[in-house]
Amino acid sequence: MLIIYLVLSAGIIGLDQWFKWWIVSEYNFGDSQEIIPNVLSLTHIRNTGGAFSLFEGQRTFFILITIAAVIAVIFYLVKHLHESKWLTIGLSFFLAGALGNFIDRFRLGYVVDMFRLDFVNFPIFNIADMALVAGVIMLFIYILLDERDKKMDNQIEVIIKDETGRIDKVLNDRLADHSRSQLQQWIKEQHVSIDGKVIKANYKVHAGDKILIEIPEPEELDLIPENLDLTIVYEDDDVVIVNKPQGMVVHPSAGHPKGTLVNGLLYQIKNLSTINDVVRPGIVHRIDKDTSGLLMVAKNDQAHEALAKQLKDKTSLRKYVALVHGEIPHEKGRIEAPIGRSKVNRKMQAVTEDGKSAVTHFEVLKRFEGYTLIELQLETGRTHQIRVHMQYIGYPVAGDPLYGPKKTLKGNGQFLHAKLLGFEHPTTGEMMVFEAPLPEIFKKTLKQLTEKD
């Protein structure tokens, strides 16, 4: 994808340089020709300033500023490549505009300008200047859209279909990522409304109700070490491998200020990396609250960077075991479908055209009546990836309160377990592989399905 944006920039630079060459070849300095009467003329001038002739005579200053800006734009473009098309295309136009005029300044000591607007008193400009303006406009659009998305991220809209009962219970059933006590607190603090009217805790929902939850800004969290008796599978000076139980959130948030994996790590582990923000020390990657299994934790920043790079480069090994609804007919499969935020429920993910690339491999381990036990391997690590992909192909994870059917197996959430974790040790370079047994509820359910068969 990066090469596409660089080719776009190169194309604009090529067009800009060719047009400047043509102007210099066909027009003497100062010559002018009307192209569209009273609207647009071509005028050959030499600009020793910046875009639109600003700050004339400052050649060295502009060369240094342009070099710094180009380095910054390329770095930002690589880092945020998949974030937004408005951002990446805008940066590509900006990069092309900056380099187009930089070539002139470096080669000639001035910039060749040619376009003059005859109906307004405006500086004469060139194609590189237009690319700069287009880039700035697209970046402005990105900022506006980003602000809108941030606002939407702080809102949850739920439309009642056929549910009945108290609003806190119904919301709890629909919003698996939020506890009932958290929802009750938001209702009490008047953050929940229907058709613009704040409702009370005893309100009973009706079909067609459009419920809007305004999530308040999170309070500053105080990280408190807690003795949660975490299962440490492996530990050395760089890395900790922990087997997270179902029902445990990885790091503190507004709805989960304590009892998280991080709280337990702070109690049991002396040193943790500081690369992530204050509420996520040591956390290299995450798994969902009701997913059990192995997680790698970094004890120092060097180890954190090395482990994170392996995840990014797809050289680490992550295998999961899941029990899904339905009997999958084929033995193996590969799911390649982009994942992004759901347009229907902002707290859910979904397969969307503008989502980020996501690839999941699966292999059937055993079939039961109405269910299949599978092993999955991730190429990418998108939020809720396995759960979204399995729902997408019609075999949702059993017990999944967010992506699965209402009628499902009883348990402590989705029957999904991070079984195997492999990576190259950040210091020794040794390939290390760890495996965690299935939780007891998972084993018990498989035994019951086997006996039923």
Protein backbone atom coordinates (compact mmCIF):
# COMPACT_ATOMS: atom_id res chain seq x y z
CA MET A 1 0.00 0.00 0.00
CA LEU A 2 2.86 2.42 0.79
CA ILE A 3 4.22 2.04 -2.74
CA ILE A 4 0.86 3.25 -4.17
CA TYR A 5 1.05 6.51 -2.23
CA LEU A 6 4.72 7.00 -3.13
CA VAL A 7 3.89 6.42 -6.82
CA LEU A 8 1.08 9.00 -6.48
CA SER A 9 3.57 11.52 -5.06
CA ALA A 10 6.10 10.70 -7.80
CA GLY A 11 3.42 11.18 -10.48
CA ILE A 12 2.51 14.63 -9.18
CA ILE A 13 6.21 15.61 -8.95
CA GLY A 14 6.76 14.39 -12.52
CA LEU A 15 3.80 16.40 -13.82
CA ASP A 16 4.98 19.49 -11.93
CA GLN A 17 8.55 19.25 -13.25
CA TRP A 18 7.44 18.56 -16.83
CA PHE A 19 5.10 21.55 -16.85
CA LYS A 20 7.82 23.83 -15.45
CA TRP A 21 10.23 22.58 -18.15
CA TRP A 22 7.60 23.27 -20.80
CA ILE A 23 6.97 26.81 -19.49
CA VAL A 24 10.69 27.62 -19.47
CA SER A 25 11.04 26.18 -23.00
CA GLU A 26 8.04 27.95 -24.53
CA TYR A 27 7.90 31.27 -22.67
CA ASN A 28 10.55 33.86 -21.94
CA PHE A 29 10.85 35.15 -18.40
CA GLY A 30 7.95 37.56 -17.81
CA ASP A 31 5.93 36.44 -20.85
CA SER A 32 2.19 35.97 -20.32
CA GLN A 33 -0.62 34.36 -22.29
CA GLU A 34 -4.34 34.36 -21.53
CA ILE A 35 -5.76 30.81 -21.40
CA ILE A 36 -9.32 31.45 -20.20
CA PRO A 37 -10.37 35.10 -20.77
CA ASN A 38 -10.55 37.06 -17.49
CA VAL A 39 -10.04 33.84 -15.52
CA LEU A 40 -6.65 32.15 -16.05
CA SER A 41 -3.35 33.13 -17.66
CA LEU A 42 0.07 31.51 -17.99
CA THR A 43 2.85 33.80 -16.79
CA HIS A 44 6.50 32.73 -16.54
CA ILE A 45 8.01 34.09 -13.30
CA ARG A 46 10.79 33.09 -10.89
CA ASN A 47 9.84 32.82 -7.23
CA THR A 48 12.68 33.00 -4.68
CA GLY A 49 10.25 32.56 -1.77
CA GLY A 50 7.92 29.85 -0.58
CA ALA A 51 4.58 28.67 -1.91
CA PHE A 52 2.67 31.57 -3.51
CA SER A 53 5.85 33.76 -3.32
CA LEU A 54 5.85 33.98 0.49
CA PHE A 55 9.15 34.91 2.27
CA GLU A 56 11.17 35.69 -0.86
CA GLY A 57 14.96 35.30 -0.90
CA GLN A 58 15.22 32.70 1.89
CA ARG A 59 16.59 29.81 -0.21
CA THR A 60 18.70 28.04 2.47
CA PHE A 61 15.93 28.37 5.03
CA PHE A 62 13.39 26.76 2.67
CA ILE A 63 15.75 23.94 1.69
CA LEU A 64 16.34 23.01 5.34
CA ILE A 65 12.66 23.35 6.24
CA THR A 66 11.64 21.23 3.23
CA ILE A 67 14.12 18.45 4.10
CA ALA A 68 12.83 18.34 7.69
CA ALA A 69 9.19 18.39 6.51
CA VAL A 70 9.75 15.60 3.95
CA ILE A 71 11.42 13.35 6.54
CA ALA A 72 8.59 14.02 9.01
CA VAL A 73 5.88 13.36 6.39
CA ILE A 74 7.45 10.08 5.21
CA PHE A 75 7.86 8.87 8.79
CA TYR A 76 4.26 9.79 9.65
CA LEU A 77 2.98 8.26 6.40
CA VAL A 78 4.66 4.91 7.16
CA LYS A 79 3.47 4.90 10.76
CA HIS A 80 -0.17 5.80 9.97
CA LEU A 81 -0.43 4.06 6.58
CA HIS A 82 -3.72 2.27 7.31
CA GLU A 83 -5.34 4.93 9.49
CA SER A 84 -7.33 6.94 6.93
CA LYS A 85 -7.30 7.48 3.16
CA TRP A 86 -7.83 11.22 3.72
CA LEU A 87 -4.67 11.26 5.87
CA THR A 88 -2.46 9.14 3.60
CA ILE A 89 -3.54 10.75 0.30
CA GLY A 90 -3.32 14.20 1.89
CA LEU A 91 0.23 13.49 3.08
CA SER A 92 1.12 12.14 -0.39
CA PHE A 93 -0.06 15.38 -2.05
CA PHE A 94 1.74 17.45 0.59
CA LEU A 95 4.94 15.44 0.05
CA ALA A 96 4.71 15.89 -3.73
CA GLY A 97 4.17 19.64 -3.42
CA ALA A 98 7.08 20.10 -1.03
CA LEU A 99 9.48 18.03 -3.17
CA GLY A 100 8.32 19.60 -6.44
CA ASN A 101 9.36 23.07 -5.30
CA PHE A 102 12.42 21.73 -3.42
CA ILE A 103 13.86 20.37 -6.69
CA ASP A 104 13.61 23.86 -8.24
CA ARG A 105 15.22 25.60 -5.27
CA PHE A 106 18.06 23.09 -5.07
CA ARG A 107 18.70 23.06 -8.83
CA LEU A 108 17.95 26.66 -9.85
CA GLY A 109 17.90 28.71 -6.67
CA TYR A 110 14.30 29.72 -7.38
CA VAL A 111 10.91 28.15 -8.17
CA VAL A 112 9.25 28.41 -11.58
CA ASP A 113 5.65 29.65 -11.24
CA MET A 114 3.12 30.06 -14.05
CA PHE A 115 -0.60 30.06 -13.14
CA ARG A 116 -2.22 33.47 -12.61
CA LEU A 117 -5.85 34.00 -11.63
CA ASP A 118 -7.05 37.12 -13.50
CA PHE A 119 -10.25 37.66 -11.54
CA VAL A 120 -8.59 38.07 -8.14
CA ASN A 121 -5.39 39.56 -6.73
CA PHE A 122 -3.66 36.28 -5.89
CA PRO A 123 0.03 35.18 -6.06
CA ILE A 124 1.12 33.28 -9.18
CA PHE A 125 1.49 29.56 -8.44
CA ASN A 126 2.42 26.16 -9.91
CA ILE A 127 1.29 22.51 -9.78
CA ALA A 128 3.39 21.81 -6.66
CA ASP A 129 1.61 24.68 -4.89
CA MET A 130 -1.75 23.19 -5.88
CA ALA A 131 -0.66 19.81 -4.50
CA LEU A 132 0.29 21.47 -1.21
CA VAL A 133 -3.11 23.16 -0.95
CA ALA A 134 -4.95 19.94 -1.86
CA GLY A 135 -2.91 18.07 0.75
CA VAL A 136 -3.73 20.62 3.46
CA ILE A 137 -7.46 20.48 2.56
CA MET A 138 -7.46 16.67 2.80
CA LEU A 139 -5.61 16.79 6.12
CA PHE A 140 -8.21 19.27 7.39
CA ILE A 141 -10.99 16.88 6.30
CA TYR A 142 -9.18 14.05 8.12
CA ILE A 143 -9.05 16.13 11.32
CA LEU A 144 -12.78 16.90 11.07
CA LEU A 145 -13.66 13.25 10.47
CA ASP A 146 -11.34 12.13 13.26
CA GLU A 147 -13.03 14.52 15.70
CA ARG A 148 -16.42 13.18 14.60
CA ASP A 149 -15.25 9.59 15.14
CA LYS A 150 -13.89 10.44 18.59
CA LYS A 151 -17.27 11.90 19.50
CA MET A 152 -19.00 8.78 18.16
CA ASP A 153 -16.55 6.63 20.14
CA ASN A 154 -17.95 8.25 23.27
CA GLN A 155 -21.51 7.37 22.27
CA ILE A 156 -23.35 4.07 22.08
CA GLU A 157 -26.70 3.83 20.31
CA VAL A 158 -28.94 0.83 20.97
CA ILE A 159 -32.25 0.32 19.15
CA ILE A 160 -34.69 -1.97 20.93
CA LYS A 161 -36.28 -4.63 18.73
CA ASP A 162 -38.17 -7.24 20.72
CA GLU A 163 -36.41 -7.10 24.11
CA THR A 164 -38.38 -6.34 27.27
CA GLY A 165 -37.49 -5.53 30.86
CA ARG A 166 -35.52 -2.97 32.86
CA ILE A 167 -33.18 -0.84 30.82
CA ASP A 168 -30.04 -1.77 32.79
CA LYS A 169 -30.66 -5.51 32.25
CA VAL A 170 -31.43 -5.13 28.54
CA LEU A 171 -28.35 -2.97 27.99
CA ASN A 172 -26.22 -5.45 29.91
CA ASP A 173 -27.43 -8.24 27.61
CA ARG A 174 -26.65 -6.16 24.51
CA LEU A 175 -23.35 -4.59 25.61
CA ALA A 176 -21.11 -7.40 26.76
CA ASP A 177 -18.05 -5.14 27.15
CA HIS A 178 -19.69 -3.12 29.94
CA SER A 179 -20.66 -4.39 33.36
CA ARG A 180 -24.20 -3.96 34.67
CA SER A 181 -22.91 -1.87 37.57
CA GLN A 182 -21.16 0.47 35.10
CA LEU A 183 -24.37 0.83 33.07
CA GLN A 184 -26.38 1.50 36.24
CA GLN A 185 -23.86 4.17 37.24
CA TRP A 186 -24.21 5.89 33.84
CA ILE A 187 -28.02 5.82 34.17
CA LYS A 188 -27.73 7.30 37.66
CA GLU A 189 -25.41 10.04 36.39
CA GLN A 190 -27.93 10.87 33.58
CA HIS A 191 -25.72 9.73 30.70
CA VAL A 192 -28.49 7.54 29.23
CA SER A 193 -31.39 9.00 27.27
CA ILE A 194 -34.21 7.95 24.93
CA ASP A 195 -35.26 10.39 22.20
CA GLY A 196 -33.38 13.15 24.01
CA LYS A 197 -35.02 12.52 27.40
CA VAL A 198 -32.96 11.28 30.35
CA ILE A 199 -34.48 8.08 31.79
CA LYS A 200 -34.55 6.57 35.28
CA ALA A 201 -33.09 3.24 36.42
CA ASN A 202 -36.50 1.53 36.63
CA TYR A 203 -37.46 2.38 33.04
CA LYS A 204 -38.76 -0.62 31.07
CA VAL A 205 -37.81 -0.63 27.41
CA HIS A 206 -40.28 -0.75 24.52
CA ALA A 207 -39.90 -1.88 20.91
CA GLY A 208 -38.50 0.96 18.81
CA ASP A 209 -36.78 2.76 21.71
CA LYS A 210 -33.60 4.46 20.53
CA ILE A 211 -31.26 4.52 23.51
CA LEU A 212 -28.26 6.84 23.48
CA ILE A 213 -25.44 6.39 26.01
CA GLU A 214 -23.01 9.29 26.38
CA ILE A 215 -19.87 7.74 27.82
CA PRO A 216 -18.24 10.23 30.21
CA GLU A 217 -14.54 11.03 29.96
CA PRO A 218 -12.58 8.46 31.95
CA GLU A 219 -11.31 9.50 35.33
CA GLU A 220 -7.59 9.39 36.10
CA LEU A 221 -6.91 5.82 37.12
CA ASP A 222 -4.82 4.90 40.12
CA LEU A 223 -2.95 1.67 39.41
CA ILE A 224 -3.04 -0.47 42.53
CA PRO A 225 -1.06 -3.74 42.75
CA GLU A 226 -3.39 -6.61 43.64
CA ASN A 227 -2.68 -10.18 44.66
CA LEU A 228 -4.69 -11.97 41.96
CA ASP A 229 -2.55 -15.13 42.02
CA LEU A 230 -1.81 -14.99 38.31
CA THR A 231 -0.59 -18.17 36.61
CA ILE A 232 2.94 -17.34 35.44
CA VAL A 233 3.98 -19.91 32.83
CA TYR A 234 7.48 -18.52 32.31
CA GLU A 235 9.60 -15.61 33.53
CA ASP A 236 13.13 -14.33 32.99
CA ASP A 237 14.80 -10.88 32.98
CA ASP A 238 13.05 -9.83 29.75
CA VAL A 239 9.78 -11.70 29.32
CA VAL A 240 6.83 -13.00 31.31
CA ILE A 241 4.32 -15.47 29.88
CA VAL A 242 1.01 -15.46 31.76
CA ASN A 243 -2.06 -17.67 31.38
CA LYS A 244 -4.99 -15.25 31.68
CA PRO A 245 -8.26 -16.69 33.03
CA GLN A 246 -11.67 -16.00 31.49
CA GLY A 247 -13.44 -12.95 32.88
CA MET A 248 -10.26 -10.94 33.53
CA VAL A 249 -9.73 -7.65 31.68
CA VAL A 250 -6.14 -7.10 30.51
CA HIS A 251 -5.70 -3.50 31.67
CA PRO A 252 -7.70 -0.94 33.72
CA SER A 253 -10.33 1.25 32.08
CA ALA A 254 -13.28 3.37 33.21
CA GLY A 255 -15.50 0.34 33.72
CA HIS A 256 -12.74 -1.88 35.14
CA PRO A 257 -10.49 0.13 37.48
CA LYS A 258 -9.20 -2.93 39.34
CA GLY A 259 -8.98 -6.70 39.20
CA THR A 260 -7.21 -6.57 35.83
CA LEU A 261 -4.19 -8.49 34.60
CA VAL A 262 -2.08 -5.34 34.96
CA ASN A 263 -3.08 -4.98 38.63
CA GLY A 264 -1.98 -8.56 39.20
CA LEU A 265 1.27 -8.10 37.27
CA LEU A 266 2.19 -5.05 39.35
CA TYR A 267 1.88 -7.21 42.46
CA GLN A 268 3.78 -10.27 41.18
CA ILE A 269 6.36 -8.82 38.75
CA LYS A 270 9.09 -6.45 39.87
CA ASN A 271 9.79 -4.65 36.56
CA LEU A 272 7.55 -3.95 33.56
CA SER A 273 8.20 -2.04 30.32
CA THR A 274 7.08 1.60 30.14
CA ILE A 275 6.49 1.97 26.37
CA ASN A 276 2.70 1.88 26.63
CA ASP A 277 0.73 4.45 28.60
CA VAL A 278 0.57 4.34 32.38
CA VAL A 279 -2.38 1.91 32.53
CA ARG A 280 -0.73 -0.73 30.32
CA PRO A 281 2.80 -1.34 31.66
CA GLY A 282 4.39 -4.41 30.08
CA ILE A 283 1.42 -5.22 27.83
CA VAL A 284 2.62 -6.15 24.33
CA HIS A 285 -0.71 -7.52 23.03
CA ARG A 286 -4.17 -8.23 24.38
CA ILE A 287 -6.90 -10.83 24.34
CA ASP A 288 -10.56 -10.19 25.14
CA LYS A 289 -11.94 -10.26 28.67
CA ASP A 290 -13.76 -13.59 28.24
CA THR A 291 -10.99 -15.20 26.18
CA SER A 292 -8.56 -17.29 28.21
CA GLY A 293 -4.96 -18.17 27.49
CA LEU A 294 -1.41 -17.02 26.92
CA LEU A 295 -0.13 -13.46 26.77
CA MET A 296 3.44 -12.18 26.46
CA VAL A 297 4.48 -9.39 28.82
CA ALA A 298 7.69 -7.34 28.51
CA LYS A 299 9.80 -6.51 31.55
CA ASN A 300 11.85 -3.78 29.85
CA ASP A 301 11.47 -1.43 26.88
CA GLN A 302 14.06 -3.20 24.70
CA ALA A 303 12.21 -6.51 25.05
CA HIS A 304 8.88 -4.75 24.43
CA GLU A 305 10.08 -3.26 21.14
CA ALA A 306 11.50 -6.60 19.97
CA LEU A 307 8.32 -8.52 20.79
CA ALA A 308 6.06 -5.86 19.27
CA LYS A 309 8.15 -5.94 16.07
CA GLN A 310 7.65 -9.71 15.81
CA LEU A 311 3.90 -9.22 16.07
CA LYS A 312 4.01 -6.50 13.41
CA ASP A 313 6.24 -8.57 11.11
CA LYS A 314 4.00 -11.65 11.65
CA THR A 315 6.94 -13.78 12.80
CA SER A 316 5.45 -14.69 16.18
CA LEU A 317 3.24 -17.76 16.54
CA ARG A 318 -0.27 -17.54 18.00
CA LYS A 319 -2.70 -20.44 17.99
CA TYR A 320 -6.18 -20.55 19.51
CA VAL A 321 -8.74 -23.26 20.16
CA ALA A 322 -12.41 -22.41 19.70
CA LEU A 323 -15.71 -24.24 19.90
CA VAL A 324 -18.04 -22.86 17.23
CA HIS A 325 -21.67 -23.30 16.29
CA GLY A 326 -22.35 -25.54 13.29
CA GLU A 327 -20.50 -28.46 11.74
CA ILE A 328 -17.81 -27.15 9.42
CA PRO A 329 -17.72 -29.50 6.39
CA HIS A 330 -14.10 -28.89 5.25
CA GLU A 331 -10.95 -29.71 7.20
CA LYS A 332 -9.07 -26.44 6.78
CA GLY A 333 -9.84 -22.86 5.82
CA ARG A 334 -8.39 -19.39 5.38
CA ILE A 335 -10.47 -16.31 6.10
CA GLU A 336 -9.25 -13.07 4.55
CA ALA A 337 -11.70 -10.26 5.21
CA PRO A 338 -10.96 -6.67 6.37
CA ILE A 339 -12.15 -5.75 9.85
CA GLY A 340 -13.25 -2.30 11.03
CA ARG A 341 -15.64 -0.71 13.46
CA SER A 342 -19.27 -1.75 12.97
CA LYS A 343 -21.50 0.91 11.40
CA VAL A 344 -24.43 -0.45 13.45
CA ASN A 345 -22.86 -0.80 16.90
CA ARG A 346 -19.75 1.25 17.60
CA LYS A 347 -18.68 -1.18 20.33
CA MET A 348 -18.54 -4.06 17.86
CA GLN A 349 -16.20 -4.87 15.00
CA ALA A 350 -17.37 -6.12 11.61
CA VAL A 351 -16.12 -7.11 8.18
CA THR A 352 -16.15 -3.81 6.27
CA GLU A 353 -14.81 -2.68 2.89
CA ASP A 354 -12.75 0.09 4.49
CA GLY A 355 -11.49 -2.06 7.37
CA LYS A 356 -7.92 -3.14 8.07
CA SER A 357 -6.52 -6.29 6.49
CA ALA A 358 -7.22 -9.39 8.60
CA VAL A 359 -6.31 -13.04 7.96
CA THR A 360 -7.28 -16.07 10.05
CA HIS A 361 -6.42 -19.73 9.37
CA PHE A 362 -8.39 -22.59 10.93
CA GLU A 363 -8.28 -26.37 11.05
CA VAL A 364 -10.99 -28.72 12.28
CA LEU A 365 -9.99 -30.78 15.33
CA LYS A 366 -13.28 -32.53 16.06
CA ARG A 367 -16.94 -32.36 15.10
CA PHE A 368 -19.90 -32.73 17.46
CA GLU A 369 -23.62 -32.60 16.87
CA GLY A 370 -24.23 -28.92 16.06
CA TYR A 371 -20.69 -27.79 16.99
CA THR A 372 -17.09 -27.96 15.74
CA LEU A 373 -13.85 -27.74 17.70
CA ILE A 374 -11.21 -25.87 15.68
CA GLU A 375 -7.66 -24.62 16.00
CA LEU A 376 -6.97 -21.13 14.65
CA GLN A 377 -3.80 -19.28 13.75
CA LEU A 378 -3.65 -15.51 13.33
CA GLU A 379 -1.69 -13.70 10.63
CA THR A 380 -2.94 -10.35 11.91
CA GLY A 381 -4.18 -9.17 15.29
CA ARG A 382 -7.33 -7.08 14.83
CA THR A 383 -9.76 -6.44 17.68
CA HIS A 384 -12.15 -9.40 18.10
CA GLN A 385 -10.64 -10.90 14.91
CA ILE A 386 -11.48 -14.58 15.47
CA ARG A 387 -14.96 -13.81 16.78
CA VAL A 388 -15.76 -11.52 13.84
CA HIS A 389 -14.33 -13.83 11.19
CA MET A 390 -16.11 -16.93 12.49
CA GLN A 391 -19.42 -15.05 12.65
CA TYR A 392 -18.77 -13.77 9.11
CA ILE A 393 -18.48 -17.28 7.64
CA GLY A 394 -21.53 -18.51 9.58
CA TYR A 395 -19.86 -20.42 12.41
CA PRO A 396 -19.87 -18.04 15.40
CA VAL A 397 -17.93 -18.91 18.54
CA ALA A 398 -20.11 -20.69 21.10
CA GLY A 399 -20.93 -18.67 24.20
CA ASP A 400 -20.02 -15.39 22.51
CA PRO A 401 -22.37 -12.74 23.99
CA LEU A 402 -21.49 -10.16 21.33
CA TYR A 403 -21.18 -12.02 18.04
CA GLY A 404 -22.95 -15.31 18.71
CA PRO A 405 -26.61 -16.38 18.79
CA LYS A 406 -28.70 -15.98 21.95
CA LYS A 407 -29.23 -19.72 22.21
CA THR A 408 -25.79 -21.08 22.93
CA LEU A 409 -23.74 -23.20 25.34
CA LYS A 410 -23.56 -22.11 28.95
CA GLY A 411 -20.17 -21.00 30.14
CA ASN A 412 -18.18 -17.95 31.21
CA GLY A 413 -18.35 -16.25 27.83
CA GLN A 414 -16.97 -17.30 24.46
CA PHE A 415 -15.34 -20.73 24.20
CA LEU A 416 -12.08 -19.31 22.87
CA HIS A 417 -8.66 -20.09 24.32
CA ALA A 418 -5.21 -18.73 23.39
CA LYS A 419 -3.58 -22.13 23.45
CA LEU A 420 -0.09 -21.63 22.01
CA LEU A 421 2.34 -18.72 21.91
CA GLY A 422 5.73 -18.73 20.17
CA PHE A 423 8.33 -16.03 19.62
CA GLU A 424 12.04 -15.39 19.29
CA HIS A 425 13.52 -14.38 22.65
CA PRO A 426 14.42 -10.67 22.47
CA THR A 427 17.89 -11.18 23.99
CA THR A 428 19.05 -14.73 23.22
CA GLY A 429 17.32 -15.13 19.85
CA GLU A 430 16.12 -18.57 20.92
CA MET A 431 12.72 -19.67 19.57
CA MET A 432 10.43 -20.19 22.54
CA VAL A 433 7.04 -21.92 22.39
CA PHE A 434 4.53 -22.18 25.25
CA GLU A 435 1.23 -24.02 25.53
CA ALA A 436 -1.63 -23.63 28.02
CA PRO A 437 -4.29 -26.28 28.79
CA LEU A 438 -7.97 -25.55 28.21
CA PRO A 439 -9.93 -24.06 31.14
CA GLU A 440 -12.01 -26.52 33.16
CA ILE A 441 -15.34 -25.18 31.82
CA PHE A 442 -14.06 -25.73 28.27
CA LYS A 443 -12.96 -29.31 29.06
CA LYS A 444 -16.25 -30.06 30.82
CA THR A 445 -18.29 -28.79 27.86
CA LEU A 446 -16.29 -30.88 25.37
CA LYS A 447 -16.79 -33.95 27.56
CA GLN A 448 -20.55 -33.33 27.62
CA LEU A 449 -20.68 -32.93 23.83
CA THR A 450 -18.64 -36.13 23.39
CA GLU A 451 -20.97 -38.09 25.68
CA LYS A 452 -23.99 -36.69 23.86
CA ASP A 453 -22.62 -38.02 20.57
